[in-house]
Amino acid sequence: MLDFIAGNIQAKRALSIALDGKHSIKFIGNVEAKQLADFAKKQSIEAYAFKPCLCGNFGSSTKSCSCKPEEIAEVQRKIALTPTDLTVETTRPRVKKAMTVLAKEFKNLNPEVLALLNNAYSQMNLEMYEARQILRVAKTISKLNQNSRIETCDLAEALQYRPKS
């Protein structure tokens, strides 16, 4: 039921508990937190999604936070003041899990394309949604190139359109 979310086993379990017991829940994280909260809301569960700070990188092991201490404190205060039965911090999916989910979603990816995407995911510190966007662009490029599936050159071209960060 929650296969659209890569990793985040604890968050999925907490969501299952919230759904079964009609408990309110808040998720702290980035895109994954929002996806889980949106899913919960569609199931008529009171749910909230919070970024850990304004830029979303506070506490990240891969990206540095650009927020001022007072901004972080204000976000953390808002999180603490939102009463819910359950609170869960989501995590960025590991490379292997992310590639498995994306390979299922974008069928017929050859091993070279997966290897390039795997490297880009790690080296560019991509989020799952960013990797998905890149593959969507690569799929469009593939169609324009009249390829039946995404080729390495299609993915490489899509990667060059990502912002430098």
N, C-alpha and C. Protein backbone atom coordinates (compact mmCIF):
# COMPACT_ATOMS: atom_id res chain seq x y z
N MET A 1 0.82 -1.20 0.00
CA MET A 1 0.00 0.00 0.00
C MET A 1 0.86 1.26 0.00
N LEU A 2 2.01 1.23 0.65
CA LEU A 2 2.88 2.41 0.74
C LEU A 2 4.15 2.23 -0.07
N ASP A 3 4.09 1.46 -1.14
CA ASP A 3 5.27 1.18 -1.96
C ASP A 3 5.81 2.42 -2.66
N PHE A 4 5.01 3.47 -2.77
CA PHE A 4 5.46 4.68 -3.45
C PHE A 4 6.53 5.42 -2.63
N ILE A 5 6.69 5.06 -1.37
CA ILE A 5 7.70 5.68 -0.52
C ILE A 5 8.87 4.71 -0.39
N ALA A 6 10.07 5.17 -0.81
CA ALA A 6 11.26 4.34 -0.72
C ALA A 6 11.82 4.42 0.70
N GLY A 7 12.15 3.28 1.28
CA GLY A 7 12.74 3.27 2.62
C GLY A 7 11.74 3.72 3.65
N ASN A 8 12.22 4.44 4.67
CA ASN A 8 11.37 5.00 5.72
C ASN A 8 10.46 3.96 6.37
N ILE A 9 11.04 2.85 6.76
CA ILE A 9 10.28 1.76 7.37
C ILE A 9 9.56 2.23 8.63
N GLN A 10 10.25 3.00 9.48
CA GLN A 10 9.62 3.48 10.71
C GLN A 10 8.44 4.40 10.39
N ALA A 11 8.60 5.26 9.41
CA ALA A 11 7.52 6.18 9.04
C ALA A 11 6.33 5.41 8.48
N LYS A 12 6.58 4.40 7.68
CA LYS A 12 5.49 3.58 7.15
C LYS A 12 4.76 2.86 8.28
N ARG A 13 5.52 2.34 9.24
CA ARG A 13 4.92 1.64 10.38
C ARG A 13 4.07 2.61 11.20
N ALA A 14 4.60 3.80 11.47
CA ALA A 14 3.84 4.79 12.23
C ALA A 14 2.57 5.18 11.49
N LEU A 15 2.65 5.29 10.17
CA LEU A 15 1.47 5.62 9.38
C LEU A 15 0.44 4.50 9.48
N SER A 16 0.89 3.27 9.46
CA SER A 16 -0.02 2.13 9.62
C SER A 16 -0.74 2.20 10.96
N ILE A 17 0.00 2.54 12.01
CA ILE A 17 -0.59 2.67 13.34
C ILE A 17 -1.61 3.81 13.35
N ALA A 18 -1.24 4.94 12.76
CA ALA A 18 -2.15 6.08 12.71
C ALA A 18 -3.43 5.74 11.95
N LEU A 19 -3.29 5.04 10.84
CA LEU A 19 -4.45 4.66 10.04
C LEU A 19 -5.37 3.71 10.81
N ASP A 20 -4.77 2.73 11.44
CA ASP A 20 -5.56 1.72 12.15
C ASP A 20 -6.27 2.30 13.37
N GLY A 21 -5.56 3.17 14.11
CA GLY A 21 -6.14 3.72 15.33
C GLY A 21 -6.72 5.11 15.18
N LYS A 22 -6.75 5.64 13.95
CA LYS A 22 -7.23 7.00 13.69
C LYS A 22 -6.49 8.02 14.55
N HIS A 23 -5.15 7.86 14.64
CA HIS A 23 -4.31 8.77 15.41
C HIS A 23 -3.80 9.90 14.53
N SER A 24 -3.59 11.06 15.12
CA SER A 24 -2.98 12.17 14.39
C SER A 24 -1.47 11.92 14.31
N ILE A 25 -0.85 12.45 13.25
CA ILE A 25 0.56 12.17 13.03
C ILE A 25 1.25 13.36 12.36
N LYS A 26 2.51 13.58 12.74
CA LYS A 26 3.30 14.59 12.03
C LYS A 26 4.60 13.94 11.57
N PHE A 27 4.98 14.32 10.35
CA PHE A 27 6.20 13.83 9.74
C PHE A 27 7.17 14.98 9.61
N ILE A 28 8.41 14.75 9.98
CA ILE A 28 9.45 15.77 9.87
C ILE A 28 10.46 15.29 8.84
N GLY A 29 10.65 16.06 7.80
CA GLY A 29 11.57 15.69 6.73
C GLY A 29 11.29 16.56 5.52
N ASN A 30 11.64 16.07 4.37
CA ASN A 30 11.43 16.86 3.16
C ASN A 30 10.31 16.26 2.32
N VAL A 31 10.61 15.86 1.13
CA VAL A 31 9.59 15.37 0.20
C VAL A 31 8.87 14.14 0.73
N GLU A 32 9.62 13.22 1.34
CA GLU A 32 9.01 12.00 1.84
C GLU A 32 7.99 12.31 2.93
N ALA A 33 8.30 13.28 3.79
CA ALA A 33 7.37 13.67 4.84
C ALA A 33 6.06 14.19 4.24
N LYS A 34 6.18 15.02 3.22
CA LYS A 34 4.99 15.57 2.56
C LYS A 34 4.17 14.47 1.89
N GLN A 35 4.84 13.54 1.23
CA GLN A 35 4.12 12.44 0.56
C GLN A 35 3.34 11.61 1.59
N LEU A 36 3.98 11.30 2.70
CA LEU A 36 3.32 10.50 3.73
C LEU A 36 2.15 11.26 4.35
N ALA A 37 2.34 12.53 4.64
CA ALA A 37 1.25 13.33 5.23
C ALA A 37 0.09 13.46 4.24
N ASP A 38 0.40 13.69 2.98
CA ASP A 38 -0.66 13.80 1.97
C ASP A 38 -1.45 12.49 1.87
N PHE A 39 -0.74 11.37 1.90
CA PHE A 39 -1.41 10.07 1.85
C PHE A 39 -2.32 9.90 3.06
N ALA A 40 -1.82 10.25 4.24
CA ALA A 40 -2.61 10.12 5.47
C ALA A 40 -3.87 10.99 5.40
N LYS A 41 -3.72 12.22 4.91
CA LYS A 41 -4.87 13.12 4.80
C LYS A 41 -5.93 12.54 3.87
N LYS A 42 -5.51 11.90 2.80
CA LYS A 42 -6.47 11.28 1.88
C LYS A 42 -7.22 10.14 2.54
N GLN A 43 -6.63 9.59 3.60
CA GLN A 43 -7.26 8.50 4.34
C GLN A 43 -8.04 9.04 5.55
N SER A 44 -8.26 10.35 5.57
CA SER A 44 -9.00 11.03 6.64
C SER A 44 -8.29 11.00 7.99
N ILE A 45 -6.96 11.05 7.96
CA ILE A 45 -6.15 11.11 9.17
C ILE A 45 -5.62 12.53 9.31
N GLU A 46 -5.66 13.08 10.52
CA GLU A 46 -5.07 14.40 10.76
C GLU A 46 -3.56 14.24 10.66
N ALA A 47 -2.95 14.88 9.68
CA ALA A 47 -1.52 14.69 9.43
C ALA A 47 -0.86 16.01 9.03
N TYR A 48 0.40 16.14 9.42
CA TYR A 48 1.18 17.34 9.13
C TYR A 48 2.55 16.93 8.62
N ALA A 49 3.09 17.78 7.76
CA ALA A 49 4.46 17.58 7.28
C ALA A 49 5.24 18.85 7.56
N PHE A 50 6.41 18.68 8.14
CA PHE A 50 7.27 19.82 8.45
C PHE A 50 8.66 19.56 7.89
N LYS A 51 9.27 20.61 7.36
CA LYS A 51 10.70 20.56 7.06
C LYS A 51 11.41 20.83 8.38
N PRO A 52 12.60 20.28 8.58
CA PRO A 52 13.31 20.52 9.84
C PRO A 52 13.79 21.96 10.01
N CYS A 53 13.81 22.72 8.91
CA CYS A 53 14.21 24.13 8.92
C CYS A 53 13.69 24.74 7.61
N LEU A 54 13.95 26.01 7.40
CA LEU A 54 13.44 26.66 6.18
C LEU A 54 14.01 26.06 4.90
N CYS A 55 15.32 25.76 4.89
CA CYS A 55 15.93 25.20 3.67
C CYS A 55 15.72 23.69 3.57
N GLY A 56 15.38 23.06 4.69
CA GLY A 56 15.12 21.62 4.69
C GLY A 56 16.33 20.75 4.95
N ASN A 57 17.49 21.34 5.19
CA ASN A 57 18.72 20.54 5.33
C ASN A 57 19.24 20.41 6.75
N PHE A 58 18.55 20.97 7.74
CA PHE A 58 19.01 20.87 9.12
C PHE A 58 19.06 19.39 9.54
N GLY A 59 20.21 18.96 10.03
CA GLY A 59 20.38 17.58 10.46
C GLY A 59 20.77 16.62 9.35
N SER A 60 20.89 17.09 8.11
CA SER A 60 21.25 16.23 6.99
C SER A 60 22.73 15.89 7.02
N SER A 61 23.03 14.66 6.69
CA SER A 61 24.44 14.25 6.62
C SER A 61 25.05 14.52 5.24
N THR A 62 24.21 14.89 4.28
CA THR A 62 24.71 15.10 2.92
C THR A 62 24.62 16.54 2.43
N LYS A 63 23.74 17.34 3.03
CA LYS A 63 23.57 18.72 2.59
C LYS A 63 23.69 19.66 3.79
N SER A 64 24.31 20.81 3.58
CA SER A 64 24.49 21.74 4.70
C SER A 64 23.30 22.70 4.79
N CYS A 65 22.97 23.04 6.02
CA CYS A 65 21.85 23.94 6.30
C CYS A 65 22.31 25.38 6.14
N SER A 66 21.49 26.19 5.47
CA SER A 66 21.83 27.60 5.25
C SER A 66 20.99 28.53 6.12
N CYS A 67 20.26 27.97 7.07
CA CYS A 67 19.38 28.77 7.92
C CYS A 67 20.13 29.36 9.10
N LYS A 68 19.61 30.49 9.56
CA LYS A 68 20.15 31.14 10.76
C LYS A 68 19.63 30.38 11.98
N PRO A 69 20.38 30.37 13.08
CA PRO A 69 19.93 29.66 14.29
C PRO A 69 18.53 30.06 14.76
N GLU A 70 18.20 31.35 14.65
CA GLU A 70 16.87 31.78 15.10
C GLU A 70 15.77 31.25 14.17
N GLU A 71 16.08 31.08 12.89
CA GLU A 71 15.11 30.50 11.95
C GLU A 71 14.86 29.03 12.27
N ILE A 72 15.94 28.31 12.57
CA ILE A 72 15.81 26.90 12.94
C ILE A 72 14.99 26.78 14.22
N ALA A 73 15.28 27.63 15.19
CA ALA A 73 14.55 27.61 16.46
C ALA A 73 13.06 27.87 16.26
N GLU A 74 12.72 28.79 15.37
CA GLU A 74 11.31 29.11 15.10
C GLU A 74 10.59 27.91 14.46
N VAL A 75 11.23 27.26 13.49
CA VAL A 75 10.63 26.08 12.85
C VAL A 75 10.46 24.97 13.88
N GLN A 76 11.48 24.73 14.68
CA GLN A 76 11.42 23.68 15.70
C GLN A 76 10.31 23.99 16.72
N ARG A 77 10.12 25.27 17.04
CA ARG A 77 9.05 25.67 17.97
C ARG A 77 7.68 25.35 17.37
N LYS A 78 7.49 25.66 16.07
CA LYS A 78 6.22 25.35 15.41
C LYS A 78 5.94 23.85 15.39
N ILE A 79 7.00 23.08 15.15
CA ILE A 79 6.84 21.62 15.15
C ILE A 79 6.40 21.15 16.53
N ALA A 80 7.07 21.64 17.57
CA ALA A 80 6.78 21.23 18.94
C ALA A 80 5.37 21.65 19.38
N LEU A 81 4.89 22.79 18.88
CA LEU A 81 3.58 23.29 19.28
C LEU A 81 2.42 22.64 18.54
N THR A 82 2.70 21.79 17.58
CA THR A 82 1.65 21.10 16.85
C THR A 82 1.40 19.75 17.53
N PRO A 83 0.31 19.66 18.31
CA PRO A 83 0.08 18.42 19.05
C PRO A 83 -0.44 17.29 18.15
N THR A 84 0.21 16.16 18.22
CA THR A 84 -0.23 14.96 17.50
C THR A 84 0.06 13.74 18.37
N ASP A 85 -0.56 12.63 18.02
CA ASP A 85 -0.34 11.38 18.76
C ASP A 85 1.01 10.77 18.41
N LEU A 86 1.43 10.92 17.15
CA LEU A 86 2.68 10.31 16.68
C LEU A 86 3.54 11.35 15.97
N THR A 87 4.84 11.26 16.16
CA THR A 87 5.81 12.12 15.47
C THR A 87 6.90 11.24 14.89
N VAL A 88 7.18 11.44 13.60
CA VAL A 88 8.18 10.61 12.93
C VAL A 88 9.08 11.47 12.07
N GLU A 89 10.39 11.21 12.13
CA GLU A 89 11.33 11.86 11.22
C GLU A 89 11.57 10.93 10.04
N THR A 90 11.40 11.45 8.84
CA THR A 90 11.63 10.65 7.64
C THR A 90 13.09 10.76 7.23
N THR A 91 13.52 9.83 6.43
CA THR A 91 14.91 9.80 5.98
C THR A 91 14.97 9.76 4.47
N ARG A 92 16.09 10.20 3.94
CA ARG A 92 16.35 10.12 2.51
C ARG A 92 16.63 8.65 2.18
N PRO A 93 15.99 8.11 1.14
CA PRO A 93 16.21 6.70 0.82
C PRO A 93 17.66 6.42 0.42
N ARG A 94 18.15 5.26 0.81
CA ARG A 94 19.49 4.84 0.41
C ARG A 94 19.49 4.59 -1.09
N VAL A 95 20.68 4.65 -1.65
CA VAL A 95 20.83 4.53 -3.11
C VAL A 95 20.21 3.26 -3.64
N LYS A 96 20.49 2.12 -3.02
CA LYS A 96 20.00 0.84 -3.54
C LYS A 96 18.48 0.80 -3.53
N LYS A 97 17.86 1.23 -2.45
CA LYS A 97 16.40 1.22 -2.36
C LYS A 97 15.80 2.19 -3.38
N ALA A 98 16.40 3.37 -3.50
CA ALA A 98 15.90 4.35 -4.45
C ALA A 98 15.97 3.82 -5.88
N MET A 99 17.08 3.18 -6.23
CA MET A 99 17.23 2.66 -7.59
C MET A 99 16.23 1.53 -7.86
N THR A 100 15.95 0.73 -6.86
CA THR A 100 14.97 -0.35 -7.01
C THR A 100 13.58 0.22 -7.29
N VAL A 101 13.19 1.23 -6.53
CA VAL A 101 11.88 1.87 -6.73
C VAL A 101 11.80 2.52 -8.10
N LEU A 102 12.84 3.25 -8.49
CA LEU A 102 12.83 3.94 -9.78
C LEU A 102 12.86 2.96 -10.94
N ALA A 103 13.59 1.86 -10.80
CA ALA A 103 13.64 0.85 -11.86
C ALA A 103 12.27 0.22 -12.08
N LYS A 104 11.51 0.03 -11.00
CA LYS A 104 10.15 -0.51 -11.13
C LYS A 104 9.23 0.51 -11.81
N GLU A 105 9.40 1.76 -11.42
CA GLU A 105 8.55 2.82 -11.95
C GLU A 105 8.83 3.10 -13.43
N PHE A 106 10.10 3.13 -13.80
CA PHE A 106 10.51 3.37 -15.19
C PHE A 106 11.03 2.05 -15.75
N LYS A 107 10.12 1.27 -16.28
CA LYS A 107 10.46 -0.07 -16.77
C LYS A 107 11.43 0.01 -17.95
N ASN A 108 12.12 -1.09 -18.20
CA ASN A 108 13.05 -1.23 -19.32
C ASN A 108 14.29 -0.35 -19.22
N LEU A 109 14.73 -0.02 -18.02
CA LEU A 109 15.99 0.72 -17.88
C LEU A 109 17.14 -0.27 -17.99
N ASN A 110 18.06 0.00 -18.91
CA ASN A 110 19.18 -0.92 -19.07
C ASN A 110 20.21 -0.69 -17.96
N PRO A 111 21.11 -1.65 -17.74
CA PRO A 111 22.08 -1.55 -16.64
C PRO A 111 22.97 -0.31 -16.71
N GLU A 112 23.31 0.15 -17.91
CA GLU A 112 24.15 1.34 -18.04
C GLU A 112 23.41 2.59 -17.55
N VAL A 113 22.13 2.68 -17.87
CA VAL A 113 21.31 3.82 -17.43
C VAL A 113 21.19 3.79 -15.91
N LEU A 114 20.92 2.61 -15.34
CA LEU A 114 20.83 2.49 -13.88
C LEU A 114 22.15 2.86 -13.20
N ALA A 115 23.26 2.45 -13.79
CA ALA A 115 24.58 2.77 -13.21
C ALA A 115 24.82 4.28 -13.23
N LEU A 116 24.48 4.94 -14.34
CA LEU A 116 24.65 6.39 -14.43
C LEU A 116 23.74 7.10 -13.43
N LEU A 117 22.50 6.65 -13.33
CA LEU A 117 21.57 7.26 -12.38
C LEU A 117 22.04 7.04 -10.94
N ASN A 118 22.53 5.86 -10.66
CA ASN A 118 23.06 5.52 -9.34
C ASN A 118 24.20 6.48 -8.97
N ASN A 119 25.12 6.69 -9.89
CA ASN A 119 26.24 7.61 -9.65
C ASN A 119 25.75 9.04 -9.45
N ALA A 120 24.82 9.47 -10.28
CA ALA A 120 24.28 10.83 -10.17
C ALA A 120 23.57 11.02 -8.83
N TYR A 121 22.80 10.01 -8.42
CA TYR A 121 22.06 10.08 -7.15
C TYR A 121 23.02 10.29 -5.99
N SER A 122 24.12 9.56 -6.01
CA SER A 122 25.10 9.66 -4.92
C SER A 122 25.93 10.93 -5.01
N GLN A 123 26.49 11.21 -6.17
CA GLN A 123 27.41 12.34 -6.32
C GLN A 123 26.72 13.69 -6.26
N MET A 124 25.49 13.77 -6.75
CA MET A 124 24.77 15.03 -6.76
C MET A 124 23.89 15.20 -5.52
N ASN A 125 23.94 14.21 -4.61
CA ASN A 125 23.10 14.22 -3.40
C ASN A 125 21.63 14.48 -3.74
N LEU A 126 21.13 13.74 -4.71
CA LEU A 126 19.76 13.93 -5.16
C LEU A 126 18.76 13.40 -4.15
N GLU A 127 17.63 14.02 -4.12
CA GLU A 127 16.48 13.48 -3.39
C GLU A 127 15.76 12.55 -4.36
N MET A 128 14.90 11.71 -3.81
CA MET A 128 14.17 10.75 -4.64
C MET A 128 13.34 11.47 -5.71
N TYR A 129 12.65 12.55 -5.33
CA TYR A 129 11.83 13.26 -6.30
C TYR A 129 12.67 13.87 -7.41
N GLU A 130 13.91 14.30 -7.09
CA GLU A 130 14.79 14.88 -8.11
C GLU A 130 15.22 13.81 -9.11
N ALA A 131 15.53 12.62 -8.62
CA ALA A 131 15.90 11.52 -9.51
C ALA A 131 14.73 11.14 -10.41
N ARG A 132 13.53 11.16 -9.84
CA ARG A 132 12.32 10.86 -10.62
C ARG A 132 12.11 11.92 -11.70
N GLN A 133 12.32 13.19 -11.36
CA GLN A 133 12.18 14.28 -12.35
C GLN A 133 13.19 14.12 -13.48
N ILE A 134 14.41 13.78 -13.13
CA ILE A 134 15.45 13.58 -14.14
C ILE A 134 15.05 12.46 -15.09
N LEU A 135 14.53 11.37 -14.55
CA LEU A 135 14.10 10.25 -15.40
C LEU A 135 12.91 10.65 -16.28
N ARG A 136 12.02 11.46 -15.77
CA ARG A 136 10.90 11.92 -16.58
C ARG A 136 11.40 12.76 -17.76
N VAL A 137 12.37 13.63 -17.50
CA VAL A 137 12.96 14.44 -18.58
C VAL A 137 13.69 13.53 -19.56
N ALA A 138 14.43 12.56 -19.04
CA ALA A 138 15.15 11.61 -19.91
C ALA A 138 14.18 10.83 -20.79
N LYS A 139 13.03 10.50 -20.25
CA LYS A 139 12.01 9.78 -21.03
C LYS A 139 11.51 10.65 -22.18
N THR A 140 11.31 11.93 -21.92
CA THR A 140 10.89 12.86 -22.99
C THR A 140 11.98 12.99 -24.05
N ILE A 141 13.22 13.11 -23.61
CA ILE A 141 14.35 13.21 -24.54
C ILE A 141 14.43 11.94 -25.38
N SER A 142 14.21 10.81 -24.74
CA SER A 142 14.22 9.52 -25.43
C SER A 142 13.18 9.48 -26.55
N LYS A 143 11.99 9.98 -26.24
CA LYS A 143 10.92 10.01 -27.26
C LYS A 143 11.31 10.93 -28.42
N LEU A 144 11.88 12.10 -28.08
CA LEU A 144 12.31 13.02 -29.14
C LEU A 144 13.41 12.41 -30.01
N ASN A 145 14.25 11.58 -29.40
CA ASN A 145 15.32 10.89 -30.13
C ASN A 145 14.82 9.62 -30.81
N GLN A 146 13.55 9.36 -30.70
CA GLN A 146 12.91 8.18 -31.29
C GLN A 146 13.50 6.87 -30.77
N ASN A 147 13.86 6.86 -29.49
CA ASN A 147 14.34 5.63 -28.84
C ASN A 147 13.14 4.94 -28.19
N SER A 148 13.15 3.64 -28.16
CA SER A 148 12.04 2.91 -27.55
C SER A 148 12.14 2.89 -26.02
N ARG A 149 13.33 3.16 -25.51
CA ARG A 149 13.52 3.24 -24.06
C ARG A 149 14.60 4.27 -23.76
N ILE A 150 14.75 4.62 -22.49
CA ILE A 150 15.75 5.61 -22.09
C ILE A 150 17.14 5.04 -22.30
N GLU A 151 17.95 5.75 -23.06
CA GLU A 151 19.34 5.35 -23.29
C GLU A 151 20.25 6.21 -22.41
N THR A 152 21.50 5.80 -22.29
CA THR A 152 22.47 6.52 -21.47
C THR A 152 22.61 7.97 -21.93
N CYS A 153 22.65 8.20 -23.23
CA CYS A 153 22.79 9.56 -23.75
C CYS A 153 21.58 10.42 -23.39
N ASP A 154 20.38 9.82 -23.31
CA ASP A 154 19.17 10.55 -22.92
C ASP A 154 19.27 10.99 -21.46
N LEU A 155 19.71 10.07 -20.61
CA LEU A 155 19.86 10.39 -19.20
C LEU A 155 20.96 11.42 -18.99
N ALA A 156 22.07 11.28 -19.70
CA ALA A 156 23.17 12.23 -19.58
C ALA A 156 22.71 13.64 -19.97
N GLU A 157 21.91 13.73 -21.03
CA GLU A 157 21.40 15.04 -21.43
C GLU A 157 20.46 15.60 -20.36
N ALA A 158 19.59 14.77 -19.82
CA ALA A 158 18.67 15.22 -18.76
C ALA A 158 19.44 15.70 -17.53
N LEU A 159 20.51 15.03 -17.20
CA LEU A 159 21.33 15.42 -16.04
C LEU A 159 21.96 16.80 -16.21
N GLN A 160 22.30 17.14 -17.44
CA GLN A 160 22.94 18.45 -17.65
C GLN A 160 21.97 19.61 -17.44
N TYR A 161 20.68 19.35 -17.42
CA TYR A 161 19.68 20.41 -17.20
C TYR A 161 19.39 20.63 -15.73
N ARG A 162 20.05 19.89 -14.84
CA ARG A 162 19.86 20.08 -13.40
C ARG A 162 20.62 21.31 -12.94
N PRO A 163 20.07 22.04 -11.97
CA PRO A 163 20.81 23.21 -11.46
C PRO A 163 22.09 22.79 -10.74
N LYS A 164 23.10 23.59 -10.84
CA LYS A 164 24.37 23.32 -10.16
C LYS A 164 24.22 23.74 -8.72
N SER A 165 24.42 22.79 -7.79
CA SER A 165 24.29 23.15 -6.37
C SER A 165 25.36 22.49 -5.54
